[in-house]
């Protein structure tokens, strides 16, 4: 794992008090120093992950004109299909070499915030696509909430500090497809270096290598999650909330060696977002003389809108 720490979520959700405390400290220190961890016993079954990959492979194998039926540009890419070369990293004009499909929150308890969220886009050609995406979404969400509870304890907050903000939050499950490379690429990068927008990102193992993170020493380190592990990193919202105490690590996806150009790459991150009205104002406990307040006060919704415009998804 090249210095990416490994933690066992079972120590937190079913361990004794000391195991839980040790997990909180290991997770928090990793996020202060690295920004990424690999998590085992994460609660997302192998069977569900296999089904998820089967469904997204089927979707991206559809003809381009069929996939285009599921584009919803008026939703800024937050639901449905986004075609190849649409999104770019913040600060870069060249588009990333990927296409993707996004699936969002389904409110099932009558929450008044349900009106904020557009309906998910059903794919008529693949009957099991929506049910599988929903099952995966809920599994990732449960695991993400447990990790946020551990993060809250590390920050000396109430264990359930984040619960009300992420319940029916604006999280996104994204299925990404990097097509095979058919001609000499203009760049060695498939997805340019960037930081994630959200609180935390949960990433189930990609179908091919390519993910790299920028270490504190300025080196690009390959990250490949081992079987039965997921990679979880801090996003910009959590970095902002903690006044840079927890690091939102820069990462990118690079092209494979030439002998593997014919191999596509699939990746399935879950971007855990809070409700749009959550304040991202820096926590008072994270503001010190040595670390003065670094950010102006924003809500999660304001910050998301700003970033979607910066990466080319929102006008």
C-alpha atoms as a PDB file:
ATOM      1  CA  UNK A   1       0.000   0.000   0.000  1.00  0.00           C
ATOM      2  CA  UNK A   2       3.051   2.293  -0.196  1.00  0.00           C
ATOM      3  CA  UNK A   3       2.626   3.952   3.201  1.00  0.00           C
ATOM      4  CA  UNK A   4      -1.177   4.277   2.952  1.00  0.00           C
ATOM      5  CA  UNK A   5      -2.306   3.210   6.465  1.00  0.00           C
ATOM      6  CA  UNK A   6      -4.733   0.294   6.888  1.00  0.00           C
ATOM      7  CA  UNK A   7      -7.516   0.422   9.484  1.00  0.00           C
ATOM      8  CA  UNK A   8     -10.165  -2.135  10.462  1.00  0.00           C
ATOM      9  CA  UNK A   9     -13.652  -0.638  10.742  1.00  0.00           C
ATOM     10  CA  UNK A  10     -14.738  -3.624  12.858  1.00  0.00           C
ATOM     11  CA  UNK A  11     -12.552  -2.214  15.640  1.00  0.00           C
ATOM     12  CA  UNK A  12     -14.833   0.815  15.720  1.00  0.00           C
ATOM     13  CA  UNK A  13     -18.306  -0.593  15.134  1.00  0.00           C
ATOM     14  CA  UNK A  14     -17.997  -3.838  17.113  1.00  0.00           C
ATOM     15  CA  UNK A  15     -14.815  -3.575  19.122  1.00  0.00           C
ATOM     16  CA  UNK A  16     -14.360  -2.915  22.829  1.00  0.00           C
ATOM     17  CA  UNK A  17     -13.763   0.591  24.155  1.00  0.00           C
ATOM     18  CA  UNK A  18      -9.978   0.381  23.794  1.00  0.00           C
ATOM     19  CA  UNK A  19     -10.201  -0.971  20.225  1.00  0.00           C
ATOM     20  CA  UNK A  20     -12.588   1.828  19.352  1.00  0.00           C
ATOM     21  CA  UNK A  21     -10.302   4.447  20.875  1.00  0.00           C
ATOM     22  CA  UNK A  22      -7.276   3.018  19.036  1.00  0.00           C
ATOM     23  CA  UNK A  23      -9.183   3.073  15.749  1.00  0.00           C
ATOM     24  CA  UNK A  24     -10.148   6.717  16.231  1.00  0.00           C
ATOM     25  CA  UNK A  25      -6.532   7.696  16.875  1.00  0.00           C
ATOM     26  CA  UNK A  26      -5.128   5.693  13.944  1.00  0.00           C
ATOM     27  CA  UNK A  27      -7.737   7.091  11.551  1.00  0.00           C
ATOM     28  CA  UNK A  28      -7.325  10.673  12.714  1.00  0.00           C
ATOM     29  CA  UNK A  29      -3.533  10.620  12.616  1.00  0.00           C
ATOM     30  CA  UNK A  30      -3.625   9.128   9.115  1.00  0.00           C
ATOM     31  CA  UNK A  31      -5.907  11.919   7.938  1.00  0.00           C
ATOM     32  CA  UNK A  32      -3.694  14.556   9.536  1.00  0.00           C
ATOM     33  CA  UNK A  33      -0.537  13.161   7.981  1.00  0.00           C
ATOM     34  CA  UNK A  34      -1.552  11.378   4.748  1.00  0.00           C
ATOM     35  CA  UNK A  35      -5.201  12.095   3.893  1.00  0.00           C
ATOM     36  CA  UNK A  36      -5.891   8.515   2.739  1.00  0.00           C
ATOM     37  CA  UNK A  37      -6.515   5.202   4.495  1.00  0.00           C
ATOM     38  CA  UNK A  38      -7.382   1.714   3.341  1.00  0.00           C
ATOM     39  CA  UNK A  39     -10.307   0.226   5.267  1.00  0.00           C
ATOM     40  CA  UNK A  40     -10.995  -3.469   5.789  1.00  0.00           C
ATOM     41  CA  UNK A  41     -14.199  -4.961   7.216  1.00  0.00           C
ATOM     42  CA  UNK A  42     -15.975  -1.957   5.712  1.00  0.00           C
ATOM     43  CA  UNK A  43     -19.419  -3.576   5.517  1.00  0.00           C
ATOM     44  CA  UNK A  44     -19.869  -3.548   1.717  1.00  0.00           C
ATOM     45  CA  UNK A  45     -20.175  -7.165   0.609  1.00  0.00           C
ATOM     46  CA  UNK A  46     -18.060  -8.732  -2.131  1.00  0.00           C
ATOM     47  CA  UNK A  47     -21.263  -9.923  -3.790  1.00  0.00           C
ATOM     48  CA  UNK A  48     -22.658  -6.397  -3.976  1.00  0.00           C
ATOM     49  CA  UNK A  49     -19.394  -5.001  -5.349  1.00  0.00           C
ATOM     50  CA  UNK A  50     -19.293  -7.738  -8.013  1.00  0.00           C
ATOM     51  CA  UNK A  51     -22.888  -6.981  -9.007  1.00  0.00           C
ATOM     52  CA  UNK A  52     -22.139  -3.270  -9.143  1.00  0.00           C
ATOM     53  CA  UNK A  53     -19.236  -3.793 -11.538  1.00  0.00           C
ATOM     54  CA  UNK A  54     -21.355  -6.095 -13.692  1.00  0.00           C
ATOM     55  CA  UNK A  55     -24.064  -3.453 -14.059  1.00  0.00           C
ATOM     56  CA  UNK A  56     -21.727  -0.544 -14.812  1.00  0.00           C
ATOM     57  CA  UNK A  57     -19.813  -2.584 -17.401  1.00  0.00           C
ATOM     58  CA  UNK A  58     -23.136  -3.294 -19.077  1.00  0.00           C
ATOM     59  CA  UNK A  59     -24.038   0.389 -19.093  1.00  0.00           C
ATOM     60  CA  UNK A  60     -20.777   1.651 -20.562  1.00  0.00           C
ATOM     61  CA  UNK A  61     -20.932  -1.077 -23.225  1.00  0.00           C
ATOM     62  CA  UNK A  62     -24.137   0.481 -24.590  1.00  0.00           C
ATOM     63  CA  UNK A  63     -23.858   2.416 -27.879  1.00  0.00           C
ATOM     64  CA  UNK A  64     -22.963   6.098 -27.495  1.00  0.00           C
ATOM     65  CA  UNK A  65     -26.343   7.259 -28.805  1.00  0.00           C
ATOM     66  CA  UNK A  66     -28.094   5.059 -26.242  1.00  0.00           C
ATOM     67  CA  UNK A  67     -25.992   6.384 -23.362  1.00  0.00           C
ATOM     68  CA  UNK A  68     -26.637   9.926 -24.598  1.00  0.00           C
ATOM     69  CA  UNK A  69     -30.348   9.468 -23.794  1.00  0.00           C
ATOM     70  CA  UNK A  70     -29.379   9.530 -20.135  1.00  0.00           C
ATOM     71  CA  UNK A  71     -27.529  12.863 -20.172  1.00  0.00           C
ATOM     72  CA  UNK A  72     -29.074  15.538 -17.947  1.00  0.00           C
ATOM     73  CA  UNK A  73     -26.953  18.671 -18.507  1.00  0.00           C
ATOM     74  CA  UNK A  74     -29.528  20.796 -16.686  1.00  0.00           C
ATOM     75  CA  UNK A  75     -28.586  18.861 -13.512  1.00  0.00           C
ATOM     76  CA  UNK A  76     -24.882  19.760 -13.789  1.00  0.00           C
ATOM     77  CA  UNK A  77     -23.935  16.112 -14.103  1.00  0.00           C
ATOM     78  CA  UNK A  78     -25.353  15.278 -10.670  1.00  0.00           C
ATOM     79  CA  UNK A  79     -27.659  12.571 -12.055  1.00  0.00           C
ATOM     80  CA  UNK A  80     -27.363  10.340 -15.067  1.00  0.00           C
ATOM     81  CA  UNK A  81     -24.684  10.165 -17.736  1.00  0.00           C
ATOM     82  CA  UNK A  82     -21.836  12.574 -18.476  1.00  0.00           C
ATOM     83  CA  UNK A  83     -20.050  11.926 -21.751  1.00  0.00           C
ATOM     84  CA  UNK A  84     -16.331  11.528 -22.427  1.00  0.00           C
ATOM     85  CA  UNK A  85     -14.224  14.677 -22.132  1.00  0.00           C
ATOM     86  CA  UNK A  86     -16.802  16.862 -20.338  1.00  0.00           C
ATOM     87  CA  UNK A  87     -15.273  17.272 -16.876  1.00  0.00           C
ATOM     88  CA  UNK A  88     -11.872  18.782 -16.133  1.00  0.00           C
ATOM     89  CA  UNK A  89      -9.936  19.261 -12.918  1.00  0.00           C
ATOM     90  CA  UNK A  90     -10.035  22.636 -11.168  1.00  0.00           C
ATOM     91  CA  UNK A  91      -7.415  24.892 -12.734  1.00  0.00           C
ATOM     92  CA  UNK A  92      -7.002  22.771 -15.881  1.00  0.00           C
ATOM     93  CA  UNK A  93      -8.618  23.293 -19.274  1.00  0.00           C
ATOM     94  CA  UNK A  94      -7.849  19.870 -20.747  1.00  0.00           C
ATOM     95  CA  UNK A  95     -10.744  17.456 -20.124  1.00  0.00           C
ATOM     96  CA  UNK A  96     -10.270  14.218 -18.210  1.00  0.00           C
ATOM     97  CA  UNK A  97     -10.278  11.059 -20.369  1.00  0.00           C
ATOM     98  CA  UNK A  98     -13.374   9.526 -18.813  1.00  0.00           C
ATOM     99  CA  UNK A  99     -17.143   9.307 -18.908  1.00  0.00           C
ATOM    100  CA  UNK A 100     -19.337   8.621 -15.914  1.00  0.00           C
ATOM    101  CA  UNK A 101     -22.806   7.974 -14.492  1.00  0.00           C
ATOM    102  CA  UNK A 102     -23.991   9.511 -11.215  1.00  0.00           C
ATOM    103  CA  UNK A 103     -26.628   8.210  -8.806  1.00  0.00           C
ATOM    104  CA  UNK A 104     -27.836  10.309  -5.899  1.00  0.00           C
ATOM    105  CA  UNK A 105     -29.838  10.336  -2.700  1.00  0.00           C
ATOM    106  CA  UNK A 106     -33.183   8.564  -2.457  1.00  0.00           C
ATOM    107  CA  UNK A 107     -35.227   9.975   0.460  1.00  0.00           C
ATOM    108  CA  UNK A 108     -37.509   7.336   1.932  1.00  0.00           C
ATOM    109  CA  UNK A 109     -38.671   8.869   5.222  1.00  0.00           C
ATOM    110  CA  UNK A 110     -40.680  11.908   4.133  1.00  0.00           C
ATOM    111  CA  UNK A 111     -37.840  14.327   4.881  1.00  0.00           C
ATOM    112  CA  UNK A 112     -38.730  17.839   3.722  1.00  0.00           C
ATOM    113  CA  UNK A 113     -35.319  18.154   2.032  1.00  0.00           C
ATOM    114  CA  UNK A 114     -36.405  15.516  -0.488  1.00  0.00           C
ATOM    115  CA  UNK A 115     -37.546  18.283  -2.837  1.00  0.00           C
ATOM    116  CA  UNK A 116     -33.909  19.411  -3.210  1.00  0.00           C
ATOM    117  CA  UNK A 117     -32.890  16.228  -4.988  1.00  0.00           C
ATOM    118  CA  UNK A 118     -33.764  15.375  -8.586  1.00  0.00           C
ATOM    119  CA  UNK A 119     -34.932  11.873  -9.400  1.00  0.00           C
ATOM    120  CA  UNK A 120     -32.331   9.329 -10.351  1.00  0.00           C
ATOM    121  CA  UNK A 121     -32.122   8.343 -14.008  1.00  0.00           C
ATOM    122  CA  UNK A 122     -33.345   4.805 -14.745  1.00  0.00           C
ATOM    123  CA  UNK A 123     -31.603   2.912 -17.551  1.00  0.00           C
ATOM    124  CA  UNK A 124     -34.317   1.103 -19.496  1.00  0.00           C
ATOM    125  CA  UNK A 125     -31.921  -1.309 -21.204  1.00  0.00           C
ATOM    126  CA  UNK A 126     -30.523  -2.654 -17.903  1.00  0.00           C
ATOM    127  CA  UNK A 127     -33.324  -3.547 -15.442  1.00  0.00           C
ATOM    128  CA  UNK A 128     -31.022  -4.305 -12.474  1.00  0.00           C
ATOM    129  CA  UNK A 129     -28.921  -1.147 -12.871  1.00  0.00           C
ATOM    130  CA  UNK A 130     -30.984   1.125 -10.585  1.00  0.00           C
ATOM    131  CA  UNK A 131     -31.651  -1.430  -7.797  1.00  0.00           C
ATOM    132  CA  UNK A 132     -27.960  -2.345  -7.696  1.00  0.00           C
ATOM    133  CA  UNK A 133     -26.853   1.292  -7.600  1.00  0.00           C
ATOM    134  CA  UNK A 134     -29.340   1.978  -4.776  1.00  0.00           C
ATOM    135  CA  UNK A 135     -28.158  -1.010  -2.723  1.00  0.00           C
ATOM    136  CA  UNK A 136     -24.533   0.061  -3.174  1.00  0.00           C
ATOM    137  CA  UNK A 137     -25.362   3.687  -2.343  1.00  0.00           C
ATOM    138  CA  UNK A 138     -26.947   2.703   0.965  1.00  0.00           C
ATOM    139  CA  UNK A 139     -24.068   0.380   1.874  1.00  0.00           C
ATOM    140  CA  UNK A 140     -21.442   3.042   1.169  1.00  0.00           C
ATOM    141  CA  UNK A 141     -23.508   5.583   3.100  1.00  0.00           C
ATOM    142  CA  UNK A 142     -23.659   3.352   6.208  1.00  0.00           C
ATOM    143  CA  UNK A 143     -19.904   2.791   6.167  1.00  0.00           C
ATOM    144  CA  UNK A 144     -19.238   6.476   5.573  1.00  0.00           C
ATOM    145  CA  UNK A 145     -21.384   7.525   8.510  1.00  0.00           C
ATOM    146  CA  UNK A 146     -19.445   5.172  10.822  1.00  0.00           C
ATOM    147  CA  UNK A 147     -16.153   6.673   9.628  1.00  0.00           C
ATOM    148  CA  UNK A 148     -17.464  10.198  10.203  1.00  0.00           C
ATOM    149  CA  UNK A 149     -18.430   9.204  13.748  1.00  0.00           C
ATOM    150  CA  UNK A 150     -14.827   8.163  14.364  1.00  0.00           C
ATOM    151  CA  UNK A 151     -13.590  11.417  12.819  1.00  0.00           C
ATOM    152  CA  UNK A 152     -15.929  13.386  15.100  1.00  0.00           C
ATOM    153  CA  UNK A 153     -14.437  11.713  18.170  1.00  0.00           C
ATOM    154  CA  UNK A 154     -10.910  12.455  16.939  1.00  0.00           C
ATOM    155  CA  UNK A 155     -11.896  16.120  16.666  1.00  0.00           C
ATOM    156  CA  UNK A 156     -13.277  16.052  20.255  1.00  0.00           C
ATOM    157  CA  UNK A 157     -16.822  16.473  18.964  1.00  0.00           C
ATOM    158  CA  UNK A 158     -19.843  14.418  19.931  1.00  0.00           C
ATOM    159  CA  UNK A 159     -19.644  11.037  18.192  1.00  0.00           C
ATOM    160  CA  UNK A 160     -22.853  11.791  16.302  1.00  0.00           C
ATOM    161  CA  UNK A 161     -21.961  15.363  15.327  1.00  0.00           C
ATOM    162  CA  UNK A 162     -22.148  14.633  11.597  1.00  0.00           C
ATOM    163  CA  UNK A 163     -25.201  12.347  11.700  1.00  0.00           C
ATOM    164  CA  UNK A 164     -27.870  15.020  11.261  1.00  0.00           C
ATOM    165  CA  UNK A 165     -25.956  16.641   8.422  1.00  0.00           C
ATOM    166  CA  UNK A 166     -25.359  13.503   6.371  1.00  0.00           C
ATOM    167  CA  UNK A 167     -28.764  11.884   6.994  1.00  0.00           C
ATOM    168  CA  UNK A 168     -30.457  12.278   3.599  1.00  0.00           C
ATOM    169  CA  UNK A 169     -27.376  14.233   2.540  1.00  0.00           C
ATOM    170  CA  UNK A 170     -26.371  15.115  -1.003  1.00  0.00           C
ATOM    171  CA  UNK A 171     -24.000  12.171  -1.490  1.00  0.00           C
ATOM    172  CA  UNK A 172     -23.183  10.832  -4.951  1.00  0.00           C
ATOM    173  CA  UNK A 173     -22.253   7.365  -6.206  1.00  0.00           C
ATOM    174  CA  UNK A 174     -20.215   7.784  -9.396  1.00  0.00           C
ATOM    175  CA  UNK A 175     -19.427   4.985 -11.856  1.00  0.00           C
ATOM    176  CA  UNK A 176     -16.450   6.026 -14.006  1.00  0.00           C
ATOM    177  CA  UNK A 177     -15.248   4.495 -17.274  1.00  0.00           C
ATOM    178  CA  UNK A 178     -11.843   5.221 -18.787  1.00  0.00           C
ATOM    179  CA  UNK A 179     -11.955   3.750 -22.320  1.00  0.00           C
ATOM    180  CA  UNK A 180      -8.998   1.896 -23.837  1.00  0.00           C
ATOM    181  CA  UNK A 181      -6.327   4.161 -25.295  1.00  0.00           C
ATOM    182  CA  UNK A 182      -6.315   3.837 -29.086  1.00  0.00           C
ATOM    183  CA  UNK A 183      -3.729   6.440 -30.113  1.00  0.00           C
ATOM    184  CA  UNK A 184      -0.755   8.254 -28.617  1.00  0.00           C
ATOM    185  CA  UNK A 185      -2.247  10.382 -25.811  1.00  0.00           C
ATOM    186  CA  UNK A 186      -1.398  14.064 -25.490  1.00  0.00           C
ATOM    187  CA  UNK A 187      -0.705  13.565 -21.805  1.00  0.00           C
ATOM    188  CA  UNK A 188       0.279  10.785 -19.417  1.00  0.00           C
ATOM    189  CA  UNK A 189      -2.708  11.727 -17.250  1.00  0.00           C
ATOM    190  CA  UNK A 190      -6.191  10.208 -17.520  1.00  0.00           C
ATOM    191  CA  UNK A 191      -7.648  12.369 -14.741  1.00  0.00           C
ATOM    192  CA  UNK A 192      -5.604  15.446 -13.799  1.00  0.00           C
ATOM    193  CA  UNK A 193      -4.510  16.095 -10.233  1.00  0.00           C
ATOM    194  CA  UNK A 194      -7.313  17.329  -8.005  1.00  0.00           C
ATOM    195  CA  UNK A 195      -8.841  17.199  -4.550  1.00  0.00           C
ATOM    196  CA  UNK A 196     -12.360  15.913  -3.899  1.00  0.00           C
ATOM    197  CA  UNK A 197     -15.111  18.384  -3.033  1.00  0.00           C
ATOM    198  CA  UNK A 198     -16.983  16.456  -0.321  1.00  0.00           C
ATOM    199  CA  UNK A 199     -16.443  15.393   3.308  1.00  0.00           C
ATOM    200  CA  UNK A 200     -14.935  11.958   2.593  1.00  0.00           C
ATOM    201  CA  UNK A 201     -14.704   9.706  -0.467  1.00  0.00           C
ATOM    202  CA  UNK A 202     -15.055   5.924  -0.286  1.00  0.00           C
ATOM    203  CA  UNK A 203     -13.490   4.151  -3.281  1.00  0.00           C
ATOM    204  CA  UNK A 204     -14.001   0.493  -4.024  1.00  0.00           C
ATOM    205  CA  UNK A 205     -11.017  -1.075  -5.770  1.00  0.00           C
ATOM    206  CA  UNK A 206     -10.698   0.020  -9.397  1.00  0.00           C
ATOM    207  CA  UNK A 207     -10.499  -2.565 -12.188  1.00  0.00           C
ATOM    208  CA  UNK A 208      -6.993  -1.385 -13.132  1.00  0.00           C
ATOM    209  CA  UNK A 209      -4.097   0.493 -11.556  1.00  0.00           C
ATOM    210  CA  UNK A 210      -3.534   4.198 -12.113  1.00  0.00           C
ATOM    211  CA  UNK A 211      -4.526   6.051  -8.941  1.00  0.00           C
ATOM    212  CA  UNK A 212      -1.676   8.058  -7.419  1.00  0.00           C
ATOM    213  CA  UNK A 213      -1.629  10.350  -4.375  1.00  0.00           C
ATOM    214  CA  UNK A 214       0.745  13.229  -3.721  1.00  0.00           C
ATOM    215  CA  UNK A 215       2.694  12.563  -0.538  1.00  0.00           C
ATOM    216  CA  UNK A 216       3.631  15.204   2.016  1.00  0.00           C
ATOM    217  CA  UNK A 217       7.169  14.919   0.592  1.00  0.00           C
ATOM    218  CA  UNK A 218       5.932  15.849  -2.897  1.00  0.00           C
ATOM    219  CA  UNK A 219       6.165  12.351  -4.418  1.00  0.00           C
ATOM    220  CA  UNK A 220       3.430  10.632  -6.444  1.00  0.00           C
ATOM    221  CA  UNK A 221       2.636   7.340  -4.701  1.00  0.00           C
ATOM    222  CA  UNK A 222       0.642   4.552  -6.444  1.00  0.00           C
ATOM    223  CA  UNK A 223      -2.437   3.425  -4.523  1.00  0.00           C
ATOM    224  CA  UNK A 224      -4.038   0.056  -5.176  1.00  0.00           C
ATOM    225  CA  UNK A 225      -6.557  -1.195  -2.642  1.00  0.00           C
ATOM    226  CA  UNK A 226      -6.088  -4.821  -1.671  1.00  0.00           C
ATOM    227  CA  UNK A 227      -8.918  -7.364  -1.985  1.00  0.00           C
ATOM    228  CA  UNK A 228     -11.668  -6.761   0.577  1.00  0.00           C
ATOM    229  CA  UNK A 229     -10.461  -3.220   1.282  1.00  0.00           C
ATOM    230  CA  UNK A 230     -11.684   0.204   0.195  1.00  0.00           C
ATOM    231  CA  UNK A 231      -9.687   3.433   0.062  1.00  0.00           C
ATOM    232  CA  UNK A 232     -11.144   6.407   1.942  1.00  0.00           C
ATOM    233  CA  UNK A 233      -9.822   9.947   1.664  1.00  0.00           C
ATOM    234  CA  UNK A 234     -10.612  13.363   3.109  1.00  0.00           C
ATOM    235  CA  UNK A 235     -12.352  15.871   0.836  1.00  0.00           C
ATOM    236  CA  UNK A 236     -12.143  19.644   0.706  1.00  0.00           C
ATOM    237  CA  UNK A 237     -15.275  20.186   2.799  1.00  0.00           C
ATOM    238  CA  UNK A 238     -13.765  18.338   5.758  1.00  0.00           C
ATOM    239  CA  UNK A 239     -10.413  20.059   5.281  1.00  0.00           C
ATOM    240  CA  UNK A 240     -12.223  23.392   5.275  1.00  0.00           C
ATOM    241  CA  UNK A 241     -14.331  22.531   8.342  1.00  0.00           C
ATOM    242  CA  UNK A 242     -11.206  21.506  10.277  1.00  0.00           C
ATOM    243  CA  UNK A 243      -9.179  24.548   9.158  1.00  0.00           C
ATOM    244  CA  UNK A 244      -6.632  22.302   7.378  1.00  0.00           C
ATOM    245  CA  UNK A 245      -6.106  20.015  10.355  1.00  0.00           C
ATOM    246  CA  UNK A 246      -7.326  17.044   8.259  1.00  0.00           C
ATOM    247  CA  UNK A 247      -5.734  16.951   4.823  1.00  0.00           C
ATOM    248  CA  UNK A 248      -7.597  16.756   1.516  1.00  0.00           C
ATOM    249  CA  UNK A 249      -4.913  14.948  -0.433  1.00  0.00           C
ATOM    250  CA  UNK A 250      -4.164  15.711  -4.078  1.00  0.00           C
ATOM    251  CA  UNK A 251      -4.578  12.677  -6.333  1.00  0.00           C
ATOM    252  CA  UNK A 252      -4.702  11.796 -10.035  1.00  0.00           C
ATOM    253  CA  UNK A 253      -5.145   8.880 -12.434  1.00  0.00           C
ATOM    254  CA  UNK A 254      -2.303   8.145 -14.848  1.00  0.00           C
ATOM    255  CA  UNK A 255      -2.287   6.193 -18.106  1.00  0.00           C
ATOM    256  CA  UNK A 256      -1.191   2.551 -18.008  1.00  0.00           C
ATOM    257  CA  UNK A 257       1.996   1.371 -19.724  1.00  0.00           C
ATOM    258  CA  UNK A 258       1.634   1.028 -23.493  1.00  0.00           C
ATOM    259  CA  UNK A 259       1.236  -2.755 -23.368  1.00  0.00           C
ATOM    260  CA  UNK A 260      -1.957  -2.213 -21.338  1.00  0.00           C
ATOM    261  CA  UNK A 261      -3.499   0.555 -23.445  1.00  0.00           C
ATOM    262  CA  UNK A 262      -6.175  -1.859 -24.667  1.00  0.00           C
ATOM    263  CA  UNK A 263      -7.493  -2.328 -21.116  1.00  0.00           C
ATOM    264  CA  UNK A 264     -10.353  -0.099 -19.964  1.00  0.00           C
ATOM    265  CA  UNK A 265     -10.481   1.145 -16.385  1.00  0.00           C
ATOM    266  CA  UNK A 266     -13.577   1.244 -14.182  1.00  0.00           C
ATOM    267  CA  UNK A 267     -13.700   3.066 -10.853  1.00  0.00           C
ATOM    268  CA  UNK A 268     -16.574   3.570  -8.400  1.00  0.00           C
ATOM    269  CA  UNK A 269     -16.145   6.350  -5.811  1.00  0.00           C
ATOM    270  CA  UNK A 270     -18.840   7.311  -3.314  1.00  0.00           C
ATOM    271  CA  UNK A 271     -18.655  11.028  -2.540  1.00  0.00           C
ATOM    272  CA  UNK A 272     -20.147  11.557   0.916  1.00  0.00           C
ATOM    273  CA  UNK A 273     -21.747  14.998   1.016  1.00  0.00           C
ATOM    274  CA  UNK A 274     -23.777  16.630   3.773  1.00  0.00           C
ATOM    275  CA  UNK A 275     -27.034  18.479   3.332  1.00  0.00           C
ATOM    276  CA  UNK A 276     -26.577  21.730   1.479  1.00  0.00           C
ATOM    277  CA  UNK A 277     -27.369  23.864   4.549  1.00  0.00           C
ATOM    278  CA  UNK A 278     -24.520  22.464   6.675  1.00  0.00           C
ATOM    279  CA  UNK A 279     -22.116  25.197   7.723  1.00  0.00           C
ATOM    280  CA  UNK A 280     -18.500  24.655   6.719  1.00  0.00           C
ATOM    281  CA  UNK A 281     -17.314  27.465   8.989  1.00  0.00           C
ATOM    282  CA  UNK A 282     -14.027  26.389  10.551  1.00  0.00           C
ATOM    283  CA  UNK A 283     -14.511  24.646  13.890  1.00  0.00           C
ATOM    284  CA  UNK A 284     -13.442  26.883  16.747  1.00  0.00           C
ATOM    285  CA  UNK A 285     -11.364  24.073  18.228  1.00  0.00           C
ATOM    286  CA  UNK A 286      -9.295  23.960  15.025  1.00  0.00           C
ATOM    287  CA  UNK A 287      -8.463  27.678  15.055  1.00  0.00           C
ATOM    288  CA  UNK A 288      -5.347  28.568  17.052  1.00  0.00           C
ATOM    289  CA  UNK A 289      -2.667  31.203  17.092  1.00  0.00           C
ATOM    290  CA  UNK A 290      -0.466  28.820  15.125  1.00  0.00           C
ATOM    291  CA  UNK A 291      -3.346  27.971  12.751  1.00  0.00           C
ATOM    292  CA  UNK A 292      -5.459  31.099  12.224  1.00  0.00           C
ATOM    293  CA  UNK A 293      -8.776  30.787  10.417  1.00  0.00           C
ATOM    294  CA  UNK A 294      -7.965  30.007   6.770  1.00  0.00           C
ATOM    295  CA  UNK A 295     -11.405  30.116   5.106  1.00  0.00           C
ATOM    296  CA  UNK A 296     -14.432  32.351   4.942  1.00  0.00           C
ATOM    297  CA  UNK A 297     -17.736  30.903   6.109  1.00  0.00           C
ATOM    298  CA  UNK A 298     -19.597  28.872   3.485  1.00  0.00           C
ATOM    299  CA  UNK A 299     -22.422  26.377   3.479  1.00  0.00           C
ATOM    300  CA  UNK A 300     -21.901  23.007   1.830  1.00  0.00           C
ATOM    301  CA  UNK A 301     -24.362  23.966  -0.902  1.00  0.00           C
ATOM    302  CA  UNK A 302     -22.552  27.196  -1.707  1.00  0.00           C
ATOM    303  CA  UNK A 303     -19.212  25.430  -1.857  1.00  0.00           C
ATOM    304  CA  UNK A 304     -20.526  22.629  -4.066  1.00  0.00           C
ATOM    305  CA  UNK A 305     -22.017  25.092  -6.563  1.00  0.00           C
ATOM    306  CA  UNK A 306     -18.726  26.975  -6.754  1.00  0.00           C
ATOM    307  CA  UNK A 307     -16.694  23.840  -7.361  1.00  0.00           C
ATOM    308  CA  UNK A 308     -19.084  22.382  -9.962  1.00  0.00           C
ATOM    309  CA  UNK A 309     -18.640  25.558 -11.973  1.00  0.00           C
ATOM    310  CA  UNK A 310     -14.854  25.336 -11.624  1.00  0.00           C
ATOM    311  CA  UNK A 311     -14.722  21.800 -13.048  1.00  0.00           C
ATOM    312  CA  UNK A 312     -16.994  22.552 -15.990  1.00  0.00           C
ATOM    313  CA  UNK A 313     -20.195  20.791 -14.914  1.00  0.00           C
ATOM    314  CA  UNK A 314     -22.212  23.882 -13.997  1.00  0.00           C
ATOM    315  CA  UNK A 315     -22.545  27.152 -15.876  1.00  0.00           C
END
